[in-house]
N, C-alpha and C. Protein backbone atom coordinates (compact mmCIF):
# COMPACT_ATOMS: atom_id res chain seq x y z
N MET A 1 -38.88 -80.68 18.29
CA MET A 1 -38.87 -79.26 18.80
C MET A 1 -37.73 -78.83 18.69
N PRO A 2 -36.48 -79.43 19.25
CA PRO A 2 -35.27 -78.59 18.75
C PRO A 2 -34.82 -77.92 17.51
N LYS A 3 -35.47 -78.20 16.55
CA LYS A 3 -35.46 -77.68 15.31
C LYS A 3 -36.00 -76.37 15.01
N TYR A 4 -37.13 -76.47 15.88
CA TYR A 4 -38.07 -75.16 15.83
C TYR A 4 -37.47 -74.21 16.67
N VAL A 5 -36.63 -74.47 17.92
CA VAL A 5 -35.94 -73.62 18.54
C VAL A 5 -34.98 -73.23 18.10
N ASP A 6 -34.18 -73.88 17.58
CA ASP A 6 -32.80 -73.42 16.68
C ASP A 6 -33.12 -72.40 15.67
N TYR A 7 -34.35 -72.72 15.18
CA TYR A 7 -34.96 -71.81 14.12
C TYR A 7 -35.37 -70.39 14.52
N LEU A 8 -35.98 -70.68 15.68
CA LEU A 8 -36.59 -69.20 16.10
C LEU A 8 -35.57 -68.70 16.60
N GLN A 9 -34.57 -69.26 17.54
CA GLN A 9 -33.25 -68.51 17.86
C GLN A 9 -32.36 -67.77 16.88
N GLU A 10 -32.25 -68.53 15.68
CA GLU A 10 -31.62 -67.77 14.29
C GLU A 10 -32.29 -66.71 14.27
N GLU A 11 -33.65 -66.87 13.96
CA GLU A 11 -34.55 -65.64 13.50
C GLU A 11 -34.41 -64.48 14.37
N ILE A 12 -34.56 -64.79 15.57
CA ILE A 12 -34.46 -63.60 16.75
C ILE A 12 -32.93 -63.14 16.55
N VAL A 13 -31.85 -63.58 16.46
CA VAL A 13 -30.53 -63.26 16.26
C VAL A 13 -30.67 -62.33 14.97
N ARG A 14 -31.13 -62.86 13.91
CA ARG A 14 -31.14 -61.95 12.60
C ARG A 14 -32.05 -60.99 12.66
N LEU A 15 -33.33 -60.84 13.22
CA LEU A 15 -33.91 -59.83 13.33
C LEU A 15 -33.47 -58.63 14.36
N ALA A 16 -32.98 -59.06 15.58
CA ALA A 16 -32.19 -58.49 16.50
C ALA A 16 -31.17 -57.54 15.31
N SER A 17 -30.19 -58.31 14.79
CA SER A 17 -29.12 -57.69 14.05
C SER A 17 -29.62 -56.60 13.06
N GLN A 18 -30.76 -56.97 12.44
CA GLN A 18 -31.51 -56.08 11.40
C GLN A 18 -31.70 -54.72 12.33
N GLU A 19 -32.30 -54.72 13.25
CA GLU A 19 -32.73 -53.56 14.11
C GLU A 19 -31.64 -52.84 14.85
N VAL A 20 -30.60 -53.62 15.13
CA VAL A 20 -29.29 -53.09 15.73
C VAL A 20 -28.64 -52.09 14.47
N ALA A 21 -28.69 -52.98 13.29
CA ALA A 21 -27.75 -51.81 11.81
C ALA A 21 -28.87 -50.94 11.72
N LYS A 22 -30.08 -50.92 11.80
CA LYS A 22 -31.15 -49.68 11.43
C LYS A 22 -30.60 -48.60 12.62
N ALA A 23 -30.74 -48.93 13.67
CA ALA A 23 -30.45 -48.19 14.74
C ALA A 23 -28.94 -47.41 14.54
N ALA A 24 -28.22 -48.10 14.44
CA ALA A 24 -26.53 -47.78 14.28
C ALA A 24 -26.35 -46.98 13.25
N ALA A 25 -27.09 -47.22 11.99
CA ALA A 25 -26.78 -46.34 10.77
C ALA A 25 -26.94 -44.82 11.11
N PRO A 26 -27.76 -44.15 11.83
CA PRO A 26 -27.63 -42.77 11.68
C PRO A 26 -26.46 -42.43 12.86
N LEU A 27 -25.93 -43.37 13.64
CA LEU A 27 -24.80 -43.27 14.54
C LEU A 27 -23.69 -43.30 13.68
N LYS A 28 -23.40 -44.18 12.94
CA LYS A 28 -22.51 -44.58 12.23
C LYS A 28 -22.18 -43.21 11.32
N GLU A 29 -23.16 -42.77 10.40
CA GLU A 29 -23.25 -41.50 9.68
C GLU A 29 -22.70 -40.48 10.60
N ALA A 30 -23.24 -40.17 11.77
CA ALA A 30 -22.81 -39.08 12.68
C ALA A 30 -21.25 -39.03 12.98
N LEU A 31 -20.96 -40.35 13.16
CA LEU A 31 -19.45 -40.63 13.30
C LEU A 31 -18.45 -40.24 12.13
N GLU A 32 -18.97 -40.63 11.05
CA GLU A 32 -18.45 -40.47 9.88
C GLU A 32 -18.19 -38.76 9.59
N ASN A 33 -19.42 -38.09 9.81
CA ASN A 33 -19.24 -36.64 9.77
C ASN A 33 -18.33 -35.98 10.75
N LEU A 34 -18.44 -36.65 12.05
CA LEU A 34 -17.55 -35.99 13.06
C LEU A 34 -16.18 -36.36 12.66
N GLU A 35 -15.97 -37.50 12.01
CA GLU A 35 -14.59 -37.47 11.76
C GLU A 35 -14.04 -36.72 10.53
N ARG A 36 -14.91 -36.58 9.59
CA ARG A 36 -14.63 -35.55 8.51
C ARG A 36 -14.36 -34.03 9.02
N ARG A 37 -15.26 -33.47 9.99
CA ARG A 37 -15.07 -32.24 10.72
C ARG A 37 -13.66 -32.11 11.05
N ASN A 38 -13.39 -33.09 11.87
CA ASN A 38 -12.10 -33.22 12.70
C ASN A 38 -11.05 -33.02 11.70
N ALA A 39 -10.91 -33.79 10.72
CA ALA A 39 -10.07 -33.68 9.71
C ALA A 39 -9.83 -32.24 9.23
N THR A 40 -11.14 -31.65 8.85
CA THR A 40 -10.97 -30.33 8.35
C THR A 40 -10.44 -29.31 9.28
N MET A 41 -11.02 -29.35 10.57
CA MET A 41 -10.30 -28.76 11.63
C MET A 41 -8.94 -28.89 11.93
N GLU A 42 -8.39 -30.18 11.73
CA GLU A 42 -6.97 -30.51 11.89
C GLU A 42 -6.28 -29.39 10.74
N LEU A 43 -6.76 -29.69 9.53
CA LEU A 43 -6.10 -29.00 8.47
C LEU A 43 -6.08 -27.58 8.60
N GLU A 44 -7.16 -27.00 9.29
CA GLU A 44 -7.41 -25.52 9.33
C GLU A 44 -6.74 -25.19 10.63
N LEU A 45 -6.23 -26.16 11.53
CA LEU A 45 -5.68 -25.73 12.71
C LEU A 45 -3.99 -25.73 12.14
N ALA A 46 -3.58 -26.63 11.50
CA ALA A 46 -2.10 -26.39 10.94
C ALA A 46 -2.03 -25.55 9.97
N ARG A 47 -3.00 -25.02 9.31
CA ARG A 47 -2.98 -23.75 8.25
C ARG A 47 -2.79 -22.33 9.35
N LEU A 48 -3.48 -22.22 10.40
CA LEU A 48 -3.58 -21.19 11.33
C LEU A 48 -1.98 -21.22 12.16
N ARG A 49 -1.47 -22.39 12.53
CA ARG A 49 -0.09 -22.36 12.95
C ARG A 49 0.52 -21.77 12.17
N GLU A 50 0.64 -21.91 10.64
CA GLU A 50 1.25 -21.69 9.75
C GLU A 50 1.43 -20.08 9.73
N GLU A 51 0.34 -19.67 9.53
CA GLU A 51 0.11 -18.18 9.50
C GLU A 51 0.49 -17.50 10.70
N LEU A 52 0.38 -18.17 11.93
CA LEU A 52 0.92 -17.67 13.05
C LEU A 52 2.47 -17.27 13.06
N ALA A 53 3.10 -18.51 12.50
CA ALA A 53 4.45 -18.49 12.48
C ALA A 53 5.03 -17.44 11.53
N GLU A 54 4.42 -17.48 10.53
CA GLU A 54 4.81 -16.31 9.44
C GLU A 54 4.53 -14.76 10.03
N LEU A 55 3.41 -14.63 10.63
CA LEU A 55 3.03 -13.54 11.44
C LEU A 55 4.35 -13.08 12.44
N ARG A 56 4.76 -14.35 13.12
CA ARG A 56 5.74 -14.06 14.24
C ARG A 56 7.10 -13.61 13.52
N ARG A 57 7.25 -14.17 12.50
CA ARG A 57 8.46 -13.81 11.72
C ARG A 57 8.53 -12.30 11.33
N GLY A 58 7.21 -11.89 10.90
CA GLY A 58 7.04 -10.65 10.18
C GLY A 58 7.23 -9.67 11.23
N PHE A 59 6.75 -9.99 12.48
CA PHE A 59 7.06 -8.83 13.66
C PHE A 59 8.43 -8.87 14.15
N ALA A 60 9.16 -9.87 13.93
CA ALA A 60 10.46 -9.77 14.53
C ALA A 60 11.68 -8.48 14.14
N PRO A 61 12.25 -8.06 14.80
CA PRO A 61 12.94 -6.94 14.43
C PRO A 61 13.75 -7.52 13.33
N PRO A 62 14.11 -6.84 12.50
CA PRO A 62 15.33 -7.21 11.44
C PRO A 62 16.80 -7.48 11.95
N PRO A 63 17.43 -8.10 11.47
CA PRO A 63 18.47 -8.63 12.05
C PRO A 63 19.70 -7.45 12.45
N SER A 64 19.41 -6.47 11.50
CA SER A 64 20.20 -5.07 11.61
C SER A 64 20.13 -4.55 13.02
N VAL A 65 18.71 -4.56 13.78
CA VAL A 65 18.48 -3.63 14.99
C VAL A 65 18.26 -4.83 15.97
N ALA A 66 18.64 -6.12 15.87
CA ALA A 66 18.28 -7.11 17.04
C ALA A 66 19.25 -6.59 18.12
N PRO A 67 18.67 -6.60 19.40
CA PRO A 67 19.36 -6.32 20.56
C PRO A 67 20.68 -6.58 20.83
N ARG A 68 21.13 -7.70 20.57
CA ARG A 68 22.33 -8.25 20.76
C ARG A 68 23.68 -7.42 19.38
N THR A 69 22.84 -7.07 18.58
CA THR A 69 23.90 -6.41 17.48
C THR A 69 23.93 -5.15 17.43
N LEU A 70 23.17 -4.49 18.19
CA LEU A 70 23.17 -2.88 18.45
C LEU A 70 24.18 -2.46 19.29
N LYS A 71 24.94 -1.36 18.98
CA LYS A 71 26.14 -0.74 19.82
C LYS A 71 25.27 0.34 20.70
N ARG A 72 25.71 -0.03 21.91
CA ARG A 72 24.95 1.11 22.72
C ARG A 72 25.84 2.57 22.29
N LYS A 73 25.13 3.47 22.56
CA LYS A 73 25.39 4.58 22.10
C LYS A 73 25.65 5.62 23.65
N LYS A 74 26.39 6.54 23.74
CA LYS A 74 26.60 7.17 25.04
C LYS A 74 25.54 8.21 24.94
N ALA A 75 25.06 8.78 26.19
CA ALA A 75 24.29 9.25 26.59
C ALA A 75 24.38 10.72 25.54
N GLY A 76 23.31 11.42 25.22
CA GLY A 76 23.34 12.46 24.31
C GLY A 76 23.59 12.33 22.82
N GLN A 77 24.00 11.30 22.50
CA GLN A 77 24.33 10.77 21.33
C GLN A 77 22.92 10.08 20.13
N GLY A 78 21.94 10.22 20.82
CA GLY A 78 20.66 9.98 20.24
C GLY A 78 20.42 8.62 20.18
N GLY A 79 19.43 7.82 19.29
CA GLY A 79 19.39 6.43 19.42
C GLY A 79 18.46 5.78 20.37
N ALA A 80 18.84 6.22 21.69
CA ALA A 80 18.03 5.50 22.90
C ALA A 80 16.70 6.32 23.12
N ASP A 81 16.65 7.46 22.57
CA ASP A 81 15.57 8.34 22.87
C ASP A 81 14.28 7.95 21.96
N ASP A 82 14.20 7.35 20.85
CA ASP A 82 13.61 7.24 19.96
C ASP A 82 13.19 5.60 19.98
N ILE A 83 12.12 5.43 21.22
CA ILE A 83 12.00 3.84 21.36
C ILE A 83 11.31 3.25 20.60
N TYR A 84 10.29 3.69 20.12
CA TYR A 84 9.27 2.96 18.98
C TYR A 84 9.69 3.66 17.62
N GLN A 85 10.23 2.74 16.95
CA GLN A 85 10.42 3.15 15.60
C GLN A 85 10.01 2.14 14.40
N PRO A 86 8.55 2.33 13.73
CA PRO A 86 8.18 1.53 13.23
C PRO A 86 8.87 1.27 11.73
N GLU A 87 9.59 2.54 11.41
CA GLU A 87 10.39 2.19 10.19
C GLU A 87 11.45 0.96 10.23
N LEU A 88 11.88 0.64 11.58
CA LEU A 88 13.03 -0.18 11.61
C LEU A 88 12.28 -1.40 11.86
N GLY A 89 10.90 -1.44 11.88
CA GLY A 89 10.32 -2.66 12.37
C GLY A 89 10.32 -3.20 13.73
N ILE A 90 10.44 -2.38 14.62
CA ILE A 90 10.55 -2.73 16.02
C ILE A 90 9.26 -2.83 16.51
N ALA A 91 9.14 -3.81 17.09
CA ALA A 91 7.84 -4.33 17.73
C ALA A 91 7.37 -3.25 18.93
N LYS A 92 5.92 -2.86 19.36
CA LYS A 92 6.01 -2.16 20.35
C LYS A 92 6.39 -2.75 21.55
N TYR A 93 6.19 -4.12 21.81
CA TYR A 93 6.51 -4.81 23.01
C TYR A 93 7.65 -5.85 22.76
N GLY A 94 8.30 -5.79 21.79
CA GLY A 94 9.28 -6.47 21.30
C GLY A 94 10.53 -6.48 22.45
N PRO A 95 11.66 -7.41 22.20
CA PRO A 95 12.88 -7.25 22.66
C PRO A 95 13.57 -6.17 22.67
N GLU A 96 13.47 -5.26 21.32
CA GLU A 96 13.83 -4.10 21.11
C GLU A 96 13.59 -2.81 21.92
N LEU A 97 12.26 -2.86 22.41
CA LEU A 97 11.54 -1.95 23.26
C LEU A 97 12.20 -1.94 24.50
N VAL A 98 12.02 -3.13 25.05
CA VAL A 98 12.69 -3.33 26.48
C VAL A 98 14.08 -2.95 26.43
N TRP A 99 14.91 -3.34 25.52
CA TRP A 99 16.23 -2.93 25.92
C TRP A 99 16.60 -1.49 25.48
N ARG A 100 15.62 -0.82 24.75
CA ARG A 100 15.94 0.80 24.57
C ARG A 100 15.31 1.43 25.60
N ILE A 101 14.37 0.78 26.58
CA ILE A 101 13.84 1.20 27.54
C ILE A 101 15.01 1.49 28.36
N ARG A 102 15.51 0.41 28.61
CA ARG A 102 16.59 0.30 29.48
C ARG A 102 18.01 1.26 29.36
N GLU A 103 18.10 1.20 27.70
CA GLU A 103 18.95 2.16 27.63
C GLU A 103 18.85 3.63 27.72
N LYS A 104 17.61 4.16 27.35
CA LYS A 104 17.23 5.57 27.76
C LYS A 104 17.29 5.83 29.17
N PHE A 105 16.92 4.95 29.92
CA PHE A 105 16.84 5.53 31.45
C PHE A 105 18.07 4.93 32.12
N GLN A 106 19.07 4.20 31.49
CA GLN A 106 20.23 3.55 32.03
C GLN A 106 20.04 2.80 33.17
N LEU A 107 19.08 1.78 32.91
CA LEU A 107 18.91 0.99 33.72
C LEU A 107 19.27 -0.53 33.58
N SER A 108 19.71 -1.13 34.59
CA SER A 108 20.30 -2.57 34.54
C SER A 108 18.74 -3.32 34.46
N ARG A 109 18.89 -4.66 34.15
CA ARG A 109 17.93 -5.59 34.00
C ARG A 109 17.16 -5.75 35.39
N GLY A 110 17.91 -5.60 36.39
CA GLY A 110 17.70 -5.62 37.94
C GLY A 110 16.57 -4.57 38.36
N GLN A 111 17.26 -3.23 37.92
CA GLN A 111 16.59 -2.27 38.29
C GLN A 111 15.29 -2.17 37.46
N LEU A 112 15.27 -2.43 35.95
CA LEU A 112 13.78 -2.40 35.53
C LEU A 112 12.87 -3.47 36.06
N ALA A 113 13.42 -4.68 36.36
CA ALA A 113 12.61 -5.66 36.78
C ALA A 113 12.06 -5.28 38.16
N ALA A 114 12.66 -4.59 39.05
CA ALA A 114 12.17 -4.04 40.16
C ALA A 114 11.21 -2.97 40.01
N LEU A 115 11.39 -2.02 39.03
CA LEU A 115 10.39 -1.06 38.98
C LEU A 115 8.98 -1.50 38.31
N VAL A 116 9.04 -2.45 37.48
CA VAL A 116 7.73 -2.95 37.10
C VAL A 116 7.13 -4.38 37.83
N GLY A 117 8.10 -4.86 38.94
CA GLY A 117 7.58 -5.89 39.86
C GLY A 117 7.60 -7.28 39.33
N VAL A 118 8.90 -7.42 38.47
CA VAL A 118 9.02 -8.87 37.89
C VAL A 118 10.63 -9.34 38.39
N HIS A 119 10.70 -10.45 38.20
CA HIS A 119 12.15 -11.20 38.43
C HIS A 119 13.28 -10.76 37.46
N PRO A 120 14.33 -10.16 37.46
CA PRO A 120 15.18 -9.88 36.27
C PRO A 120 15.36 -10.84 35.46
N ALA A 121 15.03 -12.25 35.56
CA ALA A 121 15.26 -13.09 34.30
C ALA A 121 13.84 -12.89 33.59
N ASN A 122 12.76 -12.09 33.90
CA ASN A 122 11.91 -11.92 33.13
C ASN A 122 12.39 -11.02 31.96
N VAL A 123 12.94 -9.95 32.61
CA VAL A 123 13.64 -8.95 31.32
C VAL A 123 14.41 -9.50 30.52
N SER A 124 15.39 -10.43 31.17
CA SER A 124 16.15 -11.30 29.93
C SER A 124 15.36 -11.99 29.05
N ARG A 125 14.25 -12.60 29.45
CA ARG A 125 13.38 -13.34 28.52
C ARG A 125 12.82 -12.51 27.59
N TRP A 126 12.38 -11.36 27.99
CA TRP A 126 12.04 -10.15 26.95
C TRP A 126 12.68 -9.92 25.90
N GLU A 127 13.95 -9.64 26.53
CA GLU A 127 14.96 -9.05 25.63
C GLU A 127 15.48 -10.12 24.67
N ALA A 128 15.39 -11.30 24.96
CA ALA A 128 15.86 -12.56 24.11
C ALA A 128 14.50 -12.60 23.07
N GLY A 129 13.34 -12.11 23.60
CA GLY A 129 12.27 -12.54 22.47
C GLY A 129 11.68 -13.74 22.83
N GLN A 130 11.91 -14.22 24.18
CA GLN A 130 11.48 -15.62 24.60
C GLN A 130 10.23 -15.54 24.95
N CYS A 131 9.61 -14.58 25.22
CA CYS A 131 8.38 -14.24 25.87
C CYS A 131 8.05 -12.72 25.70
N ASP A 132 6.70 -12.37 25.88
CA ASP A 132 6.43 -11.04 25.94
C ASP A 132 5.88 -10.48 27.56
N PRO A 133 5.96 -9.27 27.78
CA PRO A 133 5.31 -8.99 29.30
C PRO A 133 3.96 -9.15 29.18
N LEU A 134 3.10 -9.41 30.64
CA LEU A 134 2.01 -9.47 30.81
C LEU A 134 1.48 -8.24 30.72
N ALA A 135 -0.07 -8.07 30.29
CA ALA A 135 -0.65 -6.73 30.10
C ALA A 135 -0.29 -5.77 31.32
N ASP A 136 -0.22 -5.91 32.51
CA ASP A 136 -0.19 -4.98 33.43
C ASP A 136 1.46 -4.47 33.35
N VAL A 137 2.17 -5.36 33.12
CA VAL A 137 3.59 -4.95 32.97
C VAL A 137 3.63 -4.01 31.69
N ARG A 138 3.27 -4.48 30.80
CA ARG A 138 3.15 -3.58 29.52
C ARG A 138 2.77 -2.37 29.60
N SER A 139 1.60 -2.06 30.38
CA SER A 139 1.02 -0.81 30.56
C SER A 139 2.25 0.10 31.41
N LYS A 140 2.87 -0.71 32.19
CA LYS A 140 3.99 0.08 33.04
C LYS A 140 5.11 0.73 32.09
N LEU A 141 5.35 -0.39 31.19
CA LEU A 141 6.56 -0.14 30.12
C LEU A 141 6.13 1.12 29.23
N GLU A 142 4.72 0.79 28.85
CA GLU A 142 4.11 1.97 27.94
C GLU A 142 4.26 3.57 28.78
N SER A 143 3.68 3.45 29.97
CA SER A 143 3.96 4.45 30.57
C SER A 143 5.35 5.22 30.75
N PHE A 144 6.39 4.42 30.67
CA PHE A 144 8.05 5.02 30.66
C PHE A 144 8.04 5.69 29.18
N LEU A 145 7.42 5.38 28.27
CA LEU A 145 7.89 5.78 26.67
C LEU A 145 7.65 7.19 26.75
N SER A 146 6.57 7.91 27.44
CA SER A 146 6.32 9.38 27.18
C SER A 146 7.13 10.36 28.12
N LEU A 147 8.00 9.53 29.05
CA LEU A 147 8.52 10.34 30.31
C LEU A 147 10.25 10.70 29.56
N SER A 148 10.72 11.89 29.88
CA SER A 148 12.23 12.07 29.44
C SER A 148 12.95 11.58 30.86
N PRO A 149 14.26 11.19 30.36
CA PRO A 149 14.94 10.74 31.64
C PRO A 149 14.85 11.21 33.03
N GLU A 150 14.64 12.79 32.56
CA GLU A 150 14.71 13.55 34.02
C GLU A 150 13.25 13.29 34.72
N ALA A 151 12.27 13.00 34.00
CA ALA A 151 10.86 12.88 34.36
C ALA A 151 10.99 11.35 34.90
N PHE A 152 11.45 10.78 34.36
CA PHE A 152 11.59 9.22 34.92
C PHE A 152 12.42 9.10 36.13
N ALA A 153 13.46 10.00 36.23
CA ALA A 153 14.34 9.94 37.47
C ALA A 153 13.35 10.33 38.56
N ALA A 154 12.73 11.66 38.34
CA ALA A 154 11.80 11.80 39.44
C ALA A 154 10.76 11.01 39.91
N LYS A 155 10.07 10.29 38.87
CA LYS A 155 8.78 9.33 39.08
C LYS A 155 9.54 8.24 39.97
N SER A 156 10.63 7.53 39.54
CA SER A 156 10.99 6.25 40.02
C SER A 156 11.67 6.57 41.44
N GLY A 157 12.41 7.98 41.67
CA GLY A 157 12.88 8.37 42.91
C GLY A 157 14.48 7.84 42.78
N GLU A 158 15.06 7.54 41.69
CA GLU A 158 16.30 7.19 41.42
C GLU A 158 17.06 8.27 40.45
N PRO A 159 17.96 8.92 40.97
CA PRO A 159 19.07 9.76 40.18
C PRO A 159 19.69 9.34 39.13
N ARG A 160 19.57 9.93 38.16
CA ARG A 160 20.22 9.65 36.94
C ARG A 160 21.27 10.43 36.58
N VAL A 161 22.42 9.93 36.13
CA VAL A 161 23.37 10.97 35.58
C VAL A 161 23.43 11.22 34.40
């Protein structure tokens, strides 16, 4: 009898293994498909990251107009009045824009920060190109673009020289 029991146990194990293999085959195939899709997506992600880096490099102001290399002009000499200058490659909300708004209206970083409701360090970060203003702050900055220094002084309540 023990031989029959051993034989039956071996046969049960063999048949169970076959059934498990049959049931696992679609799962194994699905796993392989997911791994292939994952690899494809990782390649696509790497490509998109590189494309984003290229776009960021393309939107940065040229070194000749970077905020740290600009020489500030005295009032009335021009330069600060033309804030958005696509021909110079100045991004609408880039470091150059924030600097030029401050220049046009003769504002310190703290004064501009108070006007738009942020910490002065944020203005420094914008000018350094470390981050961009949030949407609500961008709209406030954009509203400054259409104002003359006199209209800005009237709107902000601060006299300008």
